C-alpha cells in the first residue's frame, strides 16, 4: 500500500509538472495582439494606421472583423481578443453591465456619424405622409436616430427626456406621419432598396459603399457617441495597452486619419495635435 501511494504521488507530480510546462510553453506571446473590429472603416483604421506602428515596435497584430455588435465584446471578455474597436461608451457600459463583463474604455477613435440616406429621394424635403424610415433597433443607436428626426422636425419627442435613452415610446407627435421600421444595424444599408429613408451607422454605410457626403443629413457627434477601443479591465496596466494607446495618439495615425477617413469626427487628442501643428 505504501509503495502504491508513492507511485500514485509520483504520477500526480509528473502530470502536474507536465501541465505546468505545457502552460508555460504555450503561453501567449505578449507581443502578439488580436484586435477585433466591425467590418469596414474601423478595421481599416487598425490595418492602415495602428498595425504598422505597432509592428515597427516588434508586435504581431491580427485583425478580426465582425458583422454584429454582440460577438466582439464576448470574444474580448473571454480572451480571444486583446482589444476591440467598434462601439461607443453608452453601448459598452450597458452591454458590460447586462452581461457582467469587466471591460473598460481605453481611448476614443475617429468616428463616422450616423446619417440618413435615400435611394428614392434627393432631398429631405421630399418626405411625404406615410414615408417609411428605417432606423437601428438597438437602444443606443435608435436614440441617436430619433434625436436627429426630432431636429429635422419629422417627429417631436417628449419634453425633458434623456436624449441618449430616447425610444419609440418617447415620440410625442409624429409630425410627418412617417412609419418607423427598426432593423438590425447591419441590415440598414440594404433597406435602402425598400424604404424612403434609412438611418445607417457610419461603419456600415462605408462598408456597403455609401459615402458620408452622400448622406442627406448627419448627426453632430457628441463624446457619448464617439467610438472607442475597449480592453479587459484587468489589462489596463500592461505594457502593450500603453503602446496601443500611444499608437492612436501618434502623429502618424493622425496623418492616416486625414488621408483615408475624411469626414470622421476626430477625438480630442487628434484635434489637439492639429492645433499644436498650426
Protein backbone atom coordinates (compact mmCIF):
# COMPACT_ATOMS: atom_id res chain seq x y z
CA UNK A 1 0.00 0.00 0.00
CA UNK A 2 2.86 2.34 0.92
CA UNK A 3 4.60 1.62 -2.41
CA UNK A 4 1.36 2.18 -4.32
CA UNK A 5 0.90 5.53 -2.54
CA UNK A 6 4.41 6.60 -3.58
CA UNK A 7 3.75 5.62 -7.22
CA UNK A 8 0.44 7.47 -7.32
CA UNK A 9 2.02 10.56 -5.79
CA UNK A 10 4.88 10.45 -8.28
CA UNK A 11 2.46 10.08 -11.17
CA UNK A 12 0.39 13.02 -9.91
CA UNK A 13 3.53 15.15 -9.62
CA UNK A 14 4.60 14.20 -13.14
CA UNK A 15 1.19 15.12 -14.59
CA UNK A 16 1.14 18.43 -12.69
CA UNK A 17 4.68 19.27 -13.80
CA UNK A 18 3.85 18.36 -17.39
CA UNK A 19 0.72 20.55 -17.31
CA UNK A 20 2.68 23.45 -15.87
CA UNK A 21 5.37 23.08 -18.53
CA UNK A 22 2.75 22.92 -21.28
CA UNK A 23 1.06 26.03 -19.92
CA UNK A 24 4.33 27.92 -19.97
CA UNK A 25 5.37 26.54 -23.34
CA UNK A 26 2.13 27.59 -24.97
CA UNK A 27 1.59 30.86 -23.07
CA UNK A 28 0.52 33.71 -25.32
CA UNK A 29 3.37 35.86 -26.59
CA UNK A 30 2.85 39.35 -25.09
CA UNK A 31 3.98 40.80 -28.42
CA UNK A 32 1.08 39.14 -30.27
CA UNK A 33 -2.09 41.24 -30.31
CA UNK A 34 -5.51 40.30 -31.65
CA UNK A 35 -7.81 43.28 -32.24
CA UNK A 36 -11.47 42.85 -33.11
CA UNK A 37 -13.40 45.44 -35.11
CA UNK A 38 -16.57 45.79 -37.11
CA UNK A 39 -16.00 45.23 -40.82
CA UNK A 40 -15.31 48.50 -42.63
CA UNK A 41 -13.61 51.72 -41.57
CA UNK A 42 -12.69 50.70 -38.01
CA UNK A 43 -10.93 47.62 -39.33
CA UNK A 44 -9.23 49.84 -41.91
CA UNK A 45 -8.10 52.26 -39.19
CA UNK A 46 -6.29 49.42 -37.45
CA UNK A 47 -4.87 47.94 -40.67
CA UNK A 48 -3.70 51.23 -42.20
CA UNK A 49 -2.78 53.21 -39.12
CA UNK A 50 -2.33 51.20 -35.93
CA UNK A 51 -0.94 47.88 -37.10
CA UNK A 52 2.08 49.40 -38.96
CA UNK A 53 3.02 51.49 -35.90
CA UNK A 54 2.88 48.52 -33.55
CA UNK A 55 4.71 46.22 -35.96
CA UNK A 56 7.63 48.66 -36.02
CA UNK A 57 7.81 48.05 -32.26
CA UNK A 58 8.03 44.29 -32.72
CA UNK A 59 4.36 43.38 -32.31
CA UNK A 60 2.48 40.87 -34.43
CA UNK A 61 -1.03 42.25 -34.96
CA UNK A 62 -4.01 40.25 -36.18
CA UNK A 63 -7.29 41.99 -37.07
CA UNK A 64 -10.53 40.03 -36.69
CA UNK A 65 -13.63 41.52 -38.32
CA UNK A 66 -17.17 41.03 -37.02
CA UNK A 67 -20.54 41.72 -38.63
CA UNK A 68 -22.53 42.33 -35.47
CA UNK A 69 -22.31 44.26 -32.20
CA UNK A 70 -22.61 41.22 -29.92
CA UNK A 71 -19.69 38.88 -30.51
CA UNK A 72 -16.76 41.34 -30.20
CA UNK A 73 -17.37 42.06 -26.50
CA UNK A 74 -17.86 38.41 -25.58
CA UNK A 75 -14.70 37.50 -27.52
CA UNK A 76 -12.81 40.23 -25.68
CA UNK A 77 -14.06 39.17 -22.25
CA UNK A 78 -13.21 35.52 -22.95
CA UNK A 79 -9.65 36.37 -24.05
CA UNK A 80 -9.99 35.57 -27.76
CA UNK A 81 -9.29 39.28 -28.41
CA UNK A 82 -6.91 41.67 -26.68
CA UNK A 83 -8.92 44.75 -27.65
CA UNK A 84 -11.82 45.75 -29.84
CA UNK A 85 -12.82 48.93 -31.66
CA UNK A 86 -16.43 49.28 -32.85
CA UNK A 87 -18.66 50.79 -30.13
CA UNK A 88 -19.29 53.94 -28.10
CA UNK A 89 -19.24 54.29 -24.32
CA UNK A 90 -23.01 54.11 -23.88
CA UNK A 91 -23.19 50.76 -25.65
CA UNK A 92 -20.09 49.40 -23.87
CA UNK A 93 -21.40 50.43 -20.44
CA UNK A 94 -24.83 48.89 -20.93
CA UNK A 95 -23.59 45.72 -22.61
CA UNK A 96 -20.96 45.14 -19.92
CA UNK A 97 -23.47 45.69 -17.13
CA UNK A 98 -26.15 43.50 -18.73
CA UNK A 99 -23.71 40.64 -19.32
CA UNK A 100 -21.48 41.15 -16.25
CA UNK A 101 -18.32 41.71 -18.29
CA UNK A 102 -15.28 43.51 -16.88
CA UNK A 103 -14.47 45.70 -19.89
CA UNK A 104 -13.17 49.29 -19.97
CA UNK A 105 -12.61 52.13 -22.40
CA UNK A 106 -9.00 52.74 -23.41
CA UNK A 107 -9.24 55.62 -25.90
CA UNK A 108 -11.67 57.25 -28.33
CA UNK A 109 -11.14 56.81 -32.09
CA UNK A 110 -12.12 58.82 -35.20
CA UNK A 111 -15.81 58.13 -35.71
CA UNK A 112 -18.16 58.17 -38.69
CA UNK A 113 -21.53 59.73 -37.79
CA UNK A 114 -24.90 58.06 -38.08
CA UNK A 115 -26.69 59.61 -41.05
CA UNK A 116 -29.86 59.42 -43.10
CA UNK A 117 -29.66 58.18 -46.69
CA UNK A 118 -32.10 57.58 -49.52
CA UNK A 119 -32.01 55.92 -52.91
CA UNK A 120 -35.50 57.20 -53.79
CA UNK A 121 -35.27 60.86 -52.80
CA UNK A 122 -32.69 63.56 -53.39
CA UNK A 123 -33.78 65.82 -50.54
CA UNK A 124 -35.29 65.56 -47.07
CA UNK A 125 -37.96 67.96 -48.27
CA UNK A 126 -39.33 65.10 -50.38
CA UNK A 127 -40.71 63.40 -47.27
CA UNK A 128 -44.41 62.67 -47.55
CA UNK A 129 -47.04 61.41 -45.13
CA UNK A 130 -46.61 57.68 -44.63
CA UNK A 131 -42.96 57.64 -45.72
CA UNK A 132 -41.03 54.61 -44.47
CA UNK A 133 -37.95 55.37 -42.35
CA UNK A 134 -35.63 52.56 -41.19
CA UNK A 135 -33.53 53.08 -38.07
CA UNK A 136 -31.35 50.91 -35.81
CA UNK A 137 -33.16 48.58 -33.43
CA UNK A 138 -30.52 48.63 -30.68
CA UNK A 139 -31.48 51.18 -27.99
CA UNK A 140 -28.45 53.47 -28.05
CA UNK A 141 -28.26 53.93 -31.83
CA UNK A 142 -32.03 54.18 -32.15
CA UNK A 143 -31.93 57.08 -29.71
CA UNK A 144 -29.42 58.85 -31.96
CA UNK A 145 -31.72 58.46 -34.97
CA UNK A 146 -34.78 59.65 -33.05
CA UNK A 147 -32.98 62.76 -31.80
CA UNK A 148 -31.98 63.62 -35.39
CA UNK A 149 -35.57 63.06 -36.57
CA UNK A 150 -36.70 65.45 -33.85
CA UNK A 151 -34.15 68.02 -35.03
CA UNK A 152 -35.40 67.61 -38.61
CA UNK A 153 -38.96 68.30 -37.45
CA UNK A 154 -40.31 64.93 -38.58
CA UNK A 155 -41.23 63.87 -35.05
CA UNK A 156 -41.47 65.58 -31.68
CA UNK A 157 -40.01 63.83 -28.67
CA UNK A 158 -41.46 64.20 -25.18
CA UNK A 159 -40.15 67.14 -23.17
CA UNK A 160 -37.29 66.55 -20.71
CA UNK A 161 -36.40 63.07 -21.91
CA UNK A 162 -32.80 61.90 -21.73
CA UNK A 163 -31.67 62.08 -25.39
CA UNK A 164 -29.30 59.14 -25.02
CA UNK A 165 -32.18 56.92 -23.88
CA UNK A 166 -34.92 58.06 -26.28
CA UNK A 167 -37.05 55.27 -27.72
CA UNK A 168 -40.15 54.98 -29.91
CA UNK A 169 -42.36 55.26 -26.82
CA UNK A 170 -40.91 58.77 -26.30
CA UNK A 171 -42.33 60.06 -29.59
CA UNK A 172 -44.95 62.61 -28.51
CA UNK A 173 -46.02 63.60 -32.02
CA UNK A 174 -45.32 62.02 -35.39
CA UNK A 175 -45.49 65.31 -37.29
CA UNK A 176 -44.82 63.84 -40.76
CA UNK A 177 -46.80 60.64 -40.10
CA UNK A 178 -43.74 58.59 -41.02
CA UNK A 179 -43.61 54.83 -40.49
CA UNK A 180 -40.61 53.86 -38.33
CA UNK A 181 -39.03 50.49 -39.17
CA UNK A 182 -36.47 49.27 -36.58
CA UNK A 183 -33.84 46.95 -38.09
CA UNK A 184 -30.56 45.38 -37.06
CA UNK A 185 -27.84 47.95 -37.83
CA UNK A 186 -26.02 45.71 -40.31
CA UNK A 187 -29.19 45.40 -42.41
CA UNK A 188 -29.81 49.14 -42.77
CA UNK A 189 -27.76 49.72 -45.95
CA UNK A 190 -29.79 47.01 -47.73
CA UNK A 191 -33.04 48.51 -46.52
CA UNK A 192 -32.48 51.49 -48.82
CA UNK A 193 -33.90 49.44 -51.69
CA UNK A 194 -37.27 49.28 -49.93
CA UNK A 195 -37.56 52.36 -47.71
CA UNK A 196 -37.94 56.04 -48.43
CA UNK A 197 -35.18 56.93 -45.97
CA UNK A 198 -32.83 54.90 -43.78
CA UNK A 199 -30.54 55.81 -40.93
CA UNK A 200 -27.22 53.99 -41.30
CA UNK A 201 -24.37 53.81 -38.82
CA UNK A 202 -21.19 55.22 -40.31
CA UNK A 203 -19.20 51.98 -40.30
CA UNK A 204 -21.95 50.02 -42.06
CA UNK A 205 -22.56 52.86 -44.51
CA UNK A 206 -18.93 52.96 -45.61
CA UNK A 207 -18.60 49.17 -45.66
CA UNK A 208 -21.57 48.99 -48.04
CA UNK A 209 -20.14 51.58 -50.43
CA UNK A 210 -22.11 54.61 -49.24
CA UNK A 211 -20.18 57.86 -48.82
CA UNK A 212 -20.52 60.25 -45.93
CA UNK A 213 -21.04 63.17 -48.31
CA UNK A 214 -23.97 61.32 -49.92
CA UNK A 215 -25.98 61.50 -46.70
CA UNK A 216 -28.99 63.82 -46.66
CA UNK A 217 -28.31 64.66 -43.00
CA UNK A 218 -25.62 63.73 -40.47
CA UNK A 219 -25.57 63.93 -36.72
CA UNK A 220 -23.13 66.13 -34.86
CA UNK A 221 -21.35 63.51 -32.77
CA UNK A 222 -21.06 64.07 -29.02
CA UNK A 223 -18.37 62.36 -26.96
CA UNK A 224 -21.04 59.87 -25.83
CA UNK A 225 -21.24 58.52 -29.36
CA UNK A 226 -17.58 58.58 -30.36
CA UNK A 227 -16.33 55.05 -30.87
CA UNK A 228 -13.59 53.70 -28.67
CA UNK A 229 -11.05 50.98 -28.09
CA UNK A 230 -12.16 48.60 -25.35
CA UNK A 231 -9.93 46.29 -23.32
CA UNK A 232 -10.36 43.92 -20.39
CA UNK A 233 -10.27 45.96 -17.19
CA UNK A 234 -7.60 43.67 -15.74
CA UNK A 235 -5.23 44.54 -18.61
CA UNK A 236 -5.15 48.31 -18.04
CA UNK A 237 -1.59 48.43 -16.70
CA UNK A 238 0.00 46.07 -19.22
CA UNK A 239 2.78 47.48 -21.45
CA UNK A 240 1.03 46.56 -24.71
CA UNK A 241 -2.00 48.61 -23.64
CA UNK A 242 0.18 51.70 -23.27
CA UNK A 243 1.72 51.03 -26.68
CA UNK A 244 -1.70 50.59 -28.28
CA UNK A 245 -2.93 53.88 -26.82
CA UNK A 246 0.24 55.67 -27.90
CA UNK A 247 -0.26 54.41 -31.46
CA UNK A 248 -3.70 56.05 -31.61
CA UNK A 249 -2.32 59.29 -30.14
CA UNK A 250 0.55 59.46 -32.64
CA UNK A 251 1.06 61.97 -35.44
CA UNK A 252 1.38 59.04 -37.82
CA UNK A 253 -2.18 57.92 -37.08
CA UNK A 254 -3.45 61.50 -37.46
CA UNK A 255 -1.91 61.56 -40.96
CA UNK A 256 -3.69 58.28 -41.80
CA UNK A 257 -6.95 59.72 -40.47
CA UNK A 258 -6.66 62.84 -42.64
CA UNK A 259 -5.78 60.82 -45.72
CA UNK A 260 -8.27 57.95 -45.51
CA UNK A 261 -11.05 58.99 -43.12
CA UNK A 262 -12.17 62.44 -44.20
CA UNK A 263 -15.47 63.45 -42.61
CA UNK A 264 -14.90 61.41 -39.45
CA UNK A 265 -15.29 63.19 -36.13
CA UNK A 266 -11.82 63.37 -34.61
CA UNK A 267 -11.23 62.72 -30.91
CA UNK A 268 -9.85 65.47 -28.66
CA UNK A 269 -6.24 64.26 -28.81
CA UNK A 270 -6.18 64.48 -32.63
CA UNK A 271 -7.74 67.93 -32.56
CA UNK A 272 -5.05 68.98 -30.06
CA UNK A 273 -2.32 67.68 -32.38
CA UNK A 274 -3.73 69.73 -35.24
CA UNK A 275 -3.92 72.89 -33.13
CA UNK A 276 -0.33 72.37 -31.95
CA UNK A 277 0.86 71.98 -35.55
CA UNK A 278 -0.54 75.37 -36.61
